[in-house]
Amino acid sequence: MKNIYFPDEEITVNDLYFVCYMIERIARQLKQPNKYVANIMGHDEIAKKLSVANVLHSENPLDVASDWIAEFGMQNGNYDVTKVDSSLCDYIPTATQMGKVYKRLIMNTISSTEDYADAILRVYNNDICKVIDNYSTGAFYEPSPYIARSYYNGGF
């Protein structure tokens, strides 16, 4: 994917990771599903954020999250991904860890006709996210190829 501000520059996998991480961080903060954040932003705005991710990654992530929440008028919800059955889950992955899980899923399923913004929206709007984000299932622990295969098969 080409940077929309500097067409000679490519968006990197690290830029994709940063945006996935910020989506996760914001979703947790607002108690919303990841797809809420991705859909509020939409393709064009995600493409813009991917294009400036190489600069934003050096900023304080709390400030970046706050700026994005205000910019897009995101609202609080009641979907708390960290509220789990402690008898089934003694470990909640961090937002950075989940950003990596989603980055890898996107990279393992992206098609030649998609850009990263398309792939972000496609993945976050898939029902498999409900399973991945249910930490009691442990699906996020699975190896990336297995998660990608599960994505294509419609579930774990």
N, C-alpha and C. Protein backbone atom coordinates (compact mmCIF):
# COMPACT_ATOMS: atom_id res chain seq x y z
N MET A 1 0.86 -1.17 0.00
CA MET A 1 0.00 0.00 0.00
C MET A 1 0.90 1.22 0.00
N LYS A 2 0.52 2.19 -0.80
CA LYS A 2 1.27 3.44 -0.91
C LYS A 2 0.78 4.44 0.12
N ASN A 3 1.71 5.22 0.64
CA ASN A 3 1.40 6.31 1.55
C ASN A 3 0.60 7.35 0.77
N ILE A 4 -0.53 7.80 1.30
CA ILE A 4 -1.36 8.73 0.54
C ILE A 4 -0.78 10.14 0.53
N TYR A 5 0.06 10.46 1.48
CA TYR A 5 0.68 11.79 1.52
C TYR A 5 1.99 11.84 0.77
N PHE A 6 2.70 10.72 0.75
CA PHE A 6 3.98 10.61 0.06
C PHE A 6 3.95 9.37 -0.81
N PRO A 7 3.41 9.49 -2.02
CA PRO A 7 3.18 8.31 -2.87
C PRO A 7 4.42 7.47 -3.19
N ASP A 8 5.61 8.03 -2.98
CA ASP A 8 6.83 7.25 -3.22
C ASP A 8 7.14 6.31 -2.06
N GLU A 9 6.45 6.49 -0.93
CA GLU A 9 6.70 5.66 0.25
C GLU A 9 5.64 4.58 0.39
N GLU A 10 6.09 3.43 0.83
CA GLU A 10 5.19 2.31 1.10
C GLU A 10 4.77 2.32 2.57
N ILE A 11 3.54 1.92 2.83
CA ILE A 11 3.10 1.67 4.20
C ILE A 11 3.74 0.36 4.61
N THR A 12 4.32 0.31 5.80
CA THR A 12 5.02 -0.90 6.24
C THR A 12 4.12 -1.75 7.13
N VAL A 13 4.57 -2.96 7.38
CA VAL A 13 3.87 -3.85 8.29
C VAL A 13 3.87 -3.25 9.70
N ASN A 14 4.92 -2.53 10.06
CA ASN A 14 4.95 -1.87 11.37
C ASN A 14 3.88 -0.78 11.47
N ASP A 15 3.61 -0.10 10.36
CA ASP A 15 2.53 0.90 10.34
C ASP A 15 1.19 0.22 10.55
N LEU A 16 1.00 -0.92 9.89
CA LEU A 16 -0.22 -1.72 10.07
C LEU A 16 -0.35 -2.13 11.53
N TYR A 17 0.72 -2.63 12.11
CA TYR A 17 0.69 -3.03 13.52
C TYR A 17 0.29 -1.86 14.40
N PHE A 18 0.87 -0.69 14.18
CA PHE A 18 0.56 0.48 15.02
C PHE A 18 -0.94 0.80 14.97
N VAL A 19 -1.52 0.78 13.79
CA VAL A 19 -2.95 1.10 13.67
C VAL A 19 -3.79 0.02 14.34
N CYS A 20 -3.43 -1.24 14.18
CA CYS A 20 -4.16 -2.32 14.87
C CYS A 20 -4.05 -2.16 16.39
N TYR A 21 -2.88 -1.82 16.86
CA TYR A 21 -2.66 -1.59 18.29
C TYR A 21 -3.53 -0.43 18.78
N MET A 22 -3.58 0.66 18.02
CA MET A 22 -4.38 1.81 18.44
C MET A 22 -5.87 1.48 18.42
N ILE A 23 -6.32 0.71 17.44
CA ILE A 23 -7.72 0.28 17.41
C ILE A 23 -8.03 -0.51 18.67
N GLU A 24 -7.15 -1.43 19.04
CA GLU A 24 -7.34 -2.24 20.25
C GLU A 24 -7.33 -1.36 21.50
N ARG A 25 -6.39 -0.45 21.59
CA ARG A 25 -6.27 0.42 22.76
C ARG A 25 -7.53 1.28 22.92
N ILE A 26 -7.98 1.86 21.84
CA ILE A 26 -9.17 2.72 21.89
C ILE A 26 -10.41 1.89 22.23
N ALA A 27 -10.55 0.74 21.60
CA ALA A 27 -11.71 -0.12 21.86
C ALA A 27 -11.77 -0.50 23.33
N ARG A 28 -10.65 -0.84 23.91
CA ARG A 28 -10.63 -1.18 25.34
C ARG A 28 -10.98 0.01 26.20
N GLN A 29 -10.41 1.16 25.86
CA GLN A 29 -10.66 2.36 26.64
C GLN A 29 -12.14 2.75 26.62
N LEU A 30 -12.76 2.63 25.45
CA LEU A 30 -14.17 3.02 25.31
C LEU A 30 -15.13 1.88 25.64
N LYS A 31 -14.60 0.69 25.86
CA LYS A 31 -15.43 -0.49 26.07
C LYS A 31 -16.36 -0.73 24.87
N GLN A 32 -15.73 -0.78 23.72
CA GLN A 32 -16.39 -1.03 22.45
C GLN A 32 -15.66 -2.18 21.75
N PRO A 33 -16.35 -2.89 20.85
CA PRO A 33 -15.63 -3.89 20.04
C PRO A 33 -14.68 -3.18 19.06
N ASN A 34 -13.65 -3.88 18.64
CA ASN A 34 -12.69 -3.30 17.69
C ASN A 34 -13.37 -2.83 16.41
N LYS A 35 -14.39 -3.57 15.97
CA LYS A 35 -15.03 -3.19 14.71
C LYS A 35 -15.72 -1.84 14.82
N TYR A 36 -16.17 -1.46 16.01
CA TYR A 36 -16.77 -0.14 16.21
C TYR A 36 -15.75 0.94 15.85
N VAL A 37 -14.55 0.80 16.39
CA VAL A 37 -13.50 1.80 16.14
C VAL A 37 -13.14 1.83 14.66
N ALA A 38 -12.91 0.66 14.07
CA ALA A 38 -12.54 0.59 12.66
C ALA A 38 -13.64 1.16 11.76
N ASN A 39 -14.90 0.81 12.05
CA ASN A 39 -16.00 1.29 11.21
C ASN A 39 -16.25 2.79 11.35
N ILE A 40 -16.08 3.32 12.55
CA ILE A 40 -16.23 4.77 12.75
C ILE A 40 -15.20 5.51 11.91
N MET A 41 -13.99 4.98 11.89
CA MET A 41 -12.93 5.62 11.13
C MET A 41 -13.16 5.48 9.62
N GLY A 42 -13.51 4.31 9.17
CA GLY A 42 -13.74 4.07 7.76
C GLY A 42 -12.44 3.95 6.97
N HIS A 43 -12.58 3.51 5.75
CA HIS A 43 -11.43 3.22 4.88
C HIS A 43 -10.50 4.42 4.71
N ASP A 44 -11.04 5.56 4.30
CA ASP A 44 -10.19 6.70 3.96
C ASP A 44 -9.41 7.21 5.17
N GLU A 45 -10.06 7.25 6.31
CA GLU A 45 -9.37 7.73 7.52
C GLU A 45 -8.36 6.72 8.03
N ILE A 46 -8.67 5.44 7.90
CA ILE A 46 -7.69 4.42 8.27
C ILE A 46 -6.46 4.54 7.35
N ALA A 47 -6.69 4.77 6.07
CA ALA A 47 -5.58 4.95 5.13
C ALA A 47 -4.72 6.16 5.53
N LYS A 48 -5.36 7.22 5.99
CA LYS A 48 -4.61 8.39 6.45
C LYS A 48 -3.78 8.06 7.69
N LYS A 49 -4.39 7.34 8.63
CA LYS A 49 -3.67 6.98 9.86
C LYS A 49 -2.51 6.03 9.54
N LEU A 50 -2.70 5.12 8.62
CA LEU A 50 -1.61 4.24 8.19
C LEU A 50 -0.47 5.07 7.58
N SER A 51 -0.82 6.12 6.86
CA SER A 51 0.17 6.95 6.19
C SER A 51 0.99 7.81 7.14
N VAL A 52 0.48 8.06 8.32
CA VAL A 52 1.23 8.86 9.30
C VAL A 52 1.68 8.02 10.50
N ALA A 53 1.45 6.73 10.45
CA ALA A 53 1.78 5.85 11.57
C ALA A 53 3.28 5.88 11.88
N ASN A 54 4.11 6.03 10.87
CA ASN A 54 5.55 6.04 11.12
C ASN A 54 5.98 7.23 11.98
N VAL A 55 5.17 8.26 12.02
CA VAL A 55 5.43 9.42 12.89
C VAL A 55 4.68 9.26 14.22
N LEU A 56 3.43 8.82 14.15
CA LEU A 56 2.62 8.70 15.36
C LEU A 56 3.14 7.66 16.34
N HIS A 57 3.84 6.65 15.86
CA HIS A 57 4.32 5.61 16.78
C HIS A 57 5.30 6.15 17.81
N SER A 58 5.88 7.31 17.56
CA SER A 58 6.81 7.89 18.53
C SER A 58 6.10 8.83 19.51
N GLU A 59 4.81 9.03 19.33
CA GLU A 59 4.02 9.86 20.24
C GLU A 59 3.53 9.02 21.41
N ASN A 60 3.08 9.69 22.45
CA ASN A 60 2.48 8.99 23.59
C ASN A 60 1.19 8.33 23.11
N PRO A 61 1.07 7.00 23.25
CA PRO A 61 -0.13 6.31 22.74
C PRO A 61 -1.43 6.79 23.42
N LEU A 62 -1.35 7.22 24.66
CA LEU A 62 -2.55 7.74 25.32
C LEU A 62 -3.02 9.03 24.65
N ASP A 63 -2.08 9.86 24.23
CA ASP A 63 -2.43 11.09 23.53
C ASP A 63 -2.99 10.79 22.15
N VAL A 64 -2.38 9.84 21.45
CA VAL A 64 -2.87 9.46 20.12
C VAL A 64 -4.29 8.92 20.24
N ALA A 65 -4.53 8.05 21.22
CA ALA A 65 -5.87 7.49 21.42
C ALA A 65 -6.86 8.60 21.72
N SER A 66 -6.50 9.50 22.59
CA SER A 66 -7.39 10.61 22.95
C SER A 66 -7.71 11.47 21.73
N ASP A 67 -6.70 11.73 20.91
CA ASP A 67 -6.90 12.53 19.70
C ASP A 67 -7.85 11.83 18.73
N TRP A 68 -7.67 10.54 18.52
CA TRP A 68 -8.52 9.80 17.59
C TRP A 68 -9.96 9.72 18.12
N ILE A 69 -10.11 9.52 19.41
CA ILE A 69 -11.46 9.47 20.00
C ILE A 69 -12.18 10.79 19.76
N ALA A 70 -11.50 11.89 20.00
CA ALA A 70 -12.10 13.22 19.79
C ALA A 70 -12.35 13.48 18.31
N GLU A 71 -11.37 13.16 17.47
CA GLU A 71 -11.48 13.42 16.04
C GLU A 71 -12.68 12.72 15.41
N PHE A 72 -12.95 11.50 15.84
CA PHE A 72 -14.02 10.72 15.23
C PHE A 72 -15.29 10.69 16.08
N GLY A 73 -15.30 11.40 17.19
CA GLY A 73 -16.49 11.46 18.04
C GLY A 73 -16.91 10.10 18.56
N MET A 74 -15.95 9.28 18.91
CA MET A 74 -16.26 7.93 19.40
C MET A 74 -16.88 8.00 20.79
N GLN A 75 -17.82 7.09 21.04
CA GLN A 75 -18.58 7.08 22.29
C GLN A 75 -18.25 5.86 23.13
N ASN A 76 -18.45 5.98 24.42
CA ASN A 76 -18.28 4.86 25.33
C ASN A 76 -19.38 3.83 25.11
N GLY A 77 -19.04 2.59 25.36
CA GLY A 77 -20.00 1.50 25.25
C GLY A 77 -19.96 0.65 26.50
N ASN A 78 -20.39 -0.60 26.37
CA ASN A 78 -20.38 -1.50 27.53
C ASN A 78 -19.80 -2.87 27.18
N TYR A 79 -18.98 -2.93 26.16
CA TYR A 79 -18.33 -4.17 25.73
C TYR A 79 -16.92 -4.19 26.33
N ASP A 80 -16.77 -4.87 27.44
CA ASP A 80 -15.48 -4.90 28.12
C ASP A 80 -14.76 -6.20 27.81
N VAL A 81 -13.82 -6.14 26.88
CA VAL A 81 -13.11 -7.33 26.44
C VAL A 81 -12.26 -7.93 27.56
N THR A 82 -11.94 -7.12 28.56
CA THR A 82 -11.10 -7.62 29.65
C THR A 82 -11.89 -8.28 30.77
N LYS A 83 -13.19 -8.25 30.67
CA LYS A 83 -14.03 -8.90 31.68
C LYS A 83 -14.20 -10.36 31.28
N VAL A 84 -13.45 -11.22 31.97
CA VAL A 84 -13.43 -12.64 31.61
C VAL A 84 -13.70 -13.49 32.84
N ASP A 85 -14.04 -14.73 32.59
CA ASP A 85 -14.22 -15.71 33.67
C ASP A 85 -12.82 -16.12 34.14
N SER A 86 -12.46 -15.73 35.34
CA SER A 86 -11.10 -15.99 35.84
C SER A 86 -10.80 -17.47 36.00
N SER A 87 -11.82 -18.31 36.07
CA SER A 87 -11.56 -19.75 36.15
C SER A 87 -11.15 -20.32 34.79
N LEU A 88 -11.46 -19.60 33.72
CA LEU A 88 -11.11 -20.05 32.38
C LEU A 88 -9.91 -19.29 31.80
N CYS A 89 -9.64 -18.14 32.38
CA CYS A 89 -8.60 -17.29 31.82
C CYS A 89 -7.87 -16.56 32.94
N ASP A 90 -6.62 -16.88 33.12
CA ASP A 90 -5.85 -16.20 34.16
C ASP A 90 -4.93 -15.14 33.58
N TYR A 91 -5.00 -14.93 32.28
CA TYR A 91 -4.13 -13.99 31.61
C TYR A 91 -4.91 -13.22 30.55
N ILE A 92 -4.87 -11.93 30.61
CA ILE A 92 -5.50 -11.08 29.60
C ILE A 92 -4.38 -10.47 28.77
N PRO A 93 -4.39 -10.70 27.47
CA PRO A 93 -3.32 -10.13 26.64
C PRO A 93 -3.40 -8.61 26.62
N THR A 94 -2.26 -7.99 26.43
CA THR A 94 -2.21 -6.53 26.37
C THR A 94 -2.71 -6.05 25.01
N ALA A 95 -2.96 -4.76 24.92
CA ALA A 95 -3.38 -4.17 23.65
C ALA A 95 -2.27 -4.33 22.60
N THR A 96 -1.02 -4.24 23.02
CA THR A 96 0.06 -4.43 22.05
C THR A 96 0.10 -5.86 21.53
N GLN A 97 -0.14 -6.83 22.42
CA GLN A 97 -0.16 -8.23 21.98
C GLN A 97 -1.30 -8.48 21.00
N MET A 98 -2.46 -7.93 21.30
CA MET A 98 -3.60 -8.14 20.41
C MET A 98 -3.42 -7.39 19.09
N GLY A 99 -2.74 -6.25 19.13
CA GLY A 99 -2.42 -5.56 17.88
C GLY A 99 -1.60 -6.46 16.97
N LYS A 100 -0.68 -7.22 17.57
CA LYS A 100 0.14 -8.15 16.79
C LYS A 100 -0.68 -9.31 16.26
N VAL A 101 -1.60 -9.82 17.07
CA VAL A 101 -2.47 -10.91 16.62
C VAL A 101 -3.25 -10.48 15.38
N TYR A 102 -3.83 -9.29 15.44
CA TYR A 102 -4.63 -8.82 14.30
C TYR A 102 -3.77 -8.44 13.11
N LYS A 103 -2.60 -7.88 13.36
CA LYS A 103 -1.69 -7.57 12.25
C LYS A 103 -1.34 -8.84 11.50
N ARG A 104 -1.01 -9.90 12.24
CA ARG A 104 -0.65 -11.17 11.60
C ARG A 104 -1.84 -11.77 10.85
N LEU A 105 -3.04 -11.69 11.42
CA LEU A 105 -4.21 -12.21 10.72
C LEU A 105 -4.44 -11.44 9.43
N ILE A 106 -4.28 -10.14 9.49
CA ILE A 106 -4.44 -9.33 8.27
C ILE A 106 -3.39 -9.70 7.23
N MET A 107 -2.15 -9.82 7.66
CA MET A 107 -1.08 -10.16 6.72
C MET A 107 -1.26 -11.56 6.13
N ASN A 108 -1.81 -12.48 6.92
CA ASN A 108 -2.02 -13.85 6.44
C ASN A 108 -3.24 -14.00 5.56
N THR A 109 -4.11 -13.00 5.52
CA THR A 109 -5.35 -13.14 4.73
C THR A 109 -5.52 -12.05 3.67
N ILE A 110 -4.60 -11.10 3.60
CA ILE A 110 -4.76 -10.00 2.65
C ILE A 110 -4.66 -10.53 1.22
N SER A 111 -5.51 -10.00 0.36
CA SER A 111 -5.48 -10.42 -1.04
C SER A 111 -4.74 -9.37 -1.87
N SER A 112 -4.40 -9.72 -3.06
CA SER A 112 -3.64 -8.82 -3.94
C SER A 112 -4.47 -7.61 -4.38
N THR A 113 -5.80 -7.69 -4.20
CA THR A 113 -6.65 -6.58 -4.62
C THR A 113 -6.98 -5.63 -3.46
N GLU A 114 -6.50 -5.96 -2.26
CA GLU A 114 -6.80 -5.15 -1.08
C GLU A 114 -5.60 -4.28 -0.70
N ASP A 115 -5.91 -3.15 -0.07
CA ASP A 115 -4.86 -2.43 0.63
C ASP A 115 -5.05 -2.70 2.11
N TYR A 116 -4.16 -2.19 2.95
CA TYR A 116 -4.24 -2.47 4.38
C TYR A 116 -5.54 -1.96 4.99
N ALA A 117 -6.01 -0.81 4.54
CA ALA A 117 -7.26 -0.27 5.11
C ALA A 117 -8.44 -1.19 4.80
N ASP A 118 -8.51 -1.70 3.57
CA ASP A 118 -9.56 -2.67 3.21
C ASP A 118 -9.47 -3.90 4.10
N ALA A 119 -8.25 -4.40 4.29
CA ALA A 119 -8.05 -5.63 5.05
C ALA A 119 -8.40 -5.43 6.53
N ILE A 120 -8.06 -4.27 7.08
CA ILE A 120 -8.43 -3.97 8.46
C ILE A 120 -9.94 -4.05 8.62
N LEU A 121 -10.66 -3.39 7.74
CA LEU A 121 -12.13 -3.39 7.84
C LEU A 121 -12.70 -4.79 7.64
N ARG A 122 -12.15 -5.54 6.71
CA ARG A 122 -12.64 -6.90 6.45
C ARG A 122 -12.45 -7.79 7.68
N VAL A 123 -11.26 -7.75 8.24
CA VAL A 123 -10.96 -8.63 9.37
C VAL A 123 -11.76 -8.22 10.60
N TYR A 124 -11.76 -6.95 10.95
CA TYR A 124 -12.45 -6.53 12.17
C TYR A 124 -13.97 -6.69 12.08
N ASN A 125 -14.51 -6.81 10.89
CA ASN A 125 -15.95 -7.01 10.74
C ASN A 125 -16.31 -8.48 10.59
N ASN A 126 -15.33 -9.37 10.71
CA ASN A 126 -15.60 -10.79 10.62
C ASN A 126 -15.98 -11.34 11.98
N ASP A 127 -16.89 -12.30 12.01
CA ASP A 127 -17.35 -12.89 13.27
C ASP A 127 -16.25 -13.60 14.05
N ILE A 128 -15.15 -13.95 13.40
CA ILE A 128 -14.08 -14.63 14.12
C ILE A 128 -13.50 -13.74 15.22
N CYS A 129 -13.65 -12.43 15.09
CA CYS A 129 -13.14 -11.51 16.12
C CYS A 129 -13.84 -11.73 17.46
N LYS A 130 -15.10 -12.16 17.42
CA LYS A 130 -15.81 -12.43 18.67
C LYS A 130 -15.13 -13.57 19.43
N VAL A 131 -14.60 -14.53 18.71
CA VAL A 131 -13.91 -15.66 19.35
C VAL A 131 -12.51 -15.23 19.78
N ILE A 132 -11.79 -14.55 18.91
CA ILE A 132 -10.43 -14.11 19.24
C ILE A 132 -10.46 -13.18 20.46
N ASP A 133 -11.45 -12.31 20.52
CA ASP A 133 -11.53 -11.33 21.61
C ASP A 133 -12.19 -11.89 22.87
N ASN A 134 -12.65 -13.12 22.83
CA ASN A 134 -13.14 -13.77 24.04
C ASN A 134 -11.95 -14.52 24.64
N TYR A 135 -11.25 -13.87 25.54
CA TYR A 135 -10.00 -14.41 26.06
C TYR A 135 -10.19 -15.70 26.84
N SER A 136 -11.41 -16.00 27.24
CA SER A 136 -11.69 -17.26 27.92
C SER A 136 -11.50 -18.46 26.99
N THR A 137 -11.58 -18.24 25.68
CA THR A 137 -11.41 -19.33 24.72
C THR A 137 -9.96 -19.63 24.44
N GLY A 138 -9.09 -18.66 24.64
CA GLY A 138 -7.67 -18.85 24.35
C GLY A 138 -7.34 -18.85 22.87
N ALA A 139 -8.28 -18.46 22.02
CA ALA A 139 -8.03 -18.47 20.58
C ALA A 139 -6.88 -17.55 20.19
N PHE A 140 -6.69 -16.47 20.92
CA PHE A 140 -5.62 -15.53 20.59
C PHE A 140 -4.24 -16.15 20.77
N TYR A 141 -4.15 -17.24 21.56
CA TYR A 141 -2.88 -17.95 21.78
C TYR A 141 -2.47 -18.80 20.58
N GLU A 142 -3.42 -19.14 19.76
CA GLU A 142 -3.15 -20.07 18.66
C GLU A 142 -2.11 -19.50 17.69
N PRO A 143 -1.36 -20.37 17.04
CA PRO A 143 -0.39 -19.90 16.06
C PRO A 143 -1.09 -19.15 14.91
N SER A 144 -0.41 -18.17 14.38
CA SER A 144 -0.99 -17.33 13.32
C SER A 144 -1.55 -18.11 12.13
N PRO A 145 -0.84 -19.14 11.63
CA PRO A 145 -1.41 -19.89 10.50
C PRO A 145 -2.74 -20.57 10.87
N TYR A 146 -2.84 -21.05 12.11
CA TYR A 146 -4.08 -21.68 12.56
C TYR A 146 -5.22 -20.66 12.63
N ILE A 147 -4.93 -19.47 13.13
CA ILE A 147 -5.95 -18.41 13.19
C ILE A 147 -6.40 -18.04 11.78
N ALA A 148 -5.45 -17.93 10.86
CA ALA A 148 -5.79 -17.59 9.47
C ALA A 148 -6.64 -18.70 8.84
N ARG A 149 -6.26 -19.96 9.08
CA ARG A 149 -7.04 -21.08 8.54
C ARG A 149 -8.44 -21.08 9.13
N SER A 150 -8.54 -20.77 10.40
CA SER A 150 -9.86 -20.68 11.07
C SER A 150 -10.68 -19.56 10.46
N TYR A 151 -10.03 -18.46 10.16
CA TYR A 151 -10.71 -17.33 9.50
C TYR A 151 -11.34 -17.81 8.19
N TYR A 152 -10.55 -18.48 7.37
CA TYR A 152 -11.05 -18.96 6.08
C TYR A 152 -12.12 -20.03 6.24
N ASN A 153 -12.04 -20.83 7.31
CA ASN A 153 -13.02 -21.88 7.54
C ASN A 153 -14.28 -21.38 8.24
N GLY A 154 -14.28 -20.14 8.65
CA GLY A 154 -15.47 -19.57 9.27
C GLY A 154 -15.55 -19.80 10.77
N GLY A 155 -14.46 -20.24 11.38
CA GLY A 155 -14.47 -20.43 12.83
C GLY A 155 -13.42 -21.41 13.29
N PHE A 156 -13.25 -21.47 14.59
CA PHE A 156 -12.25 -22.36 15.20
C PHE A 156 -12.80 -23.76 15.34
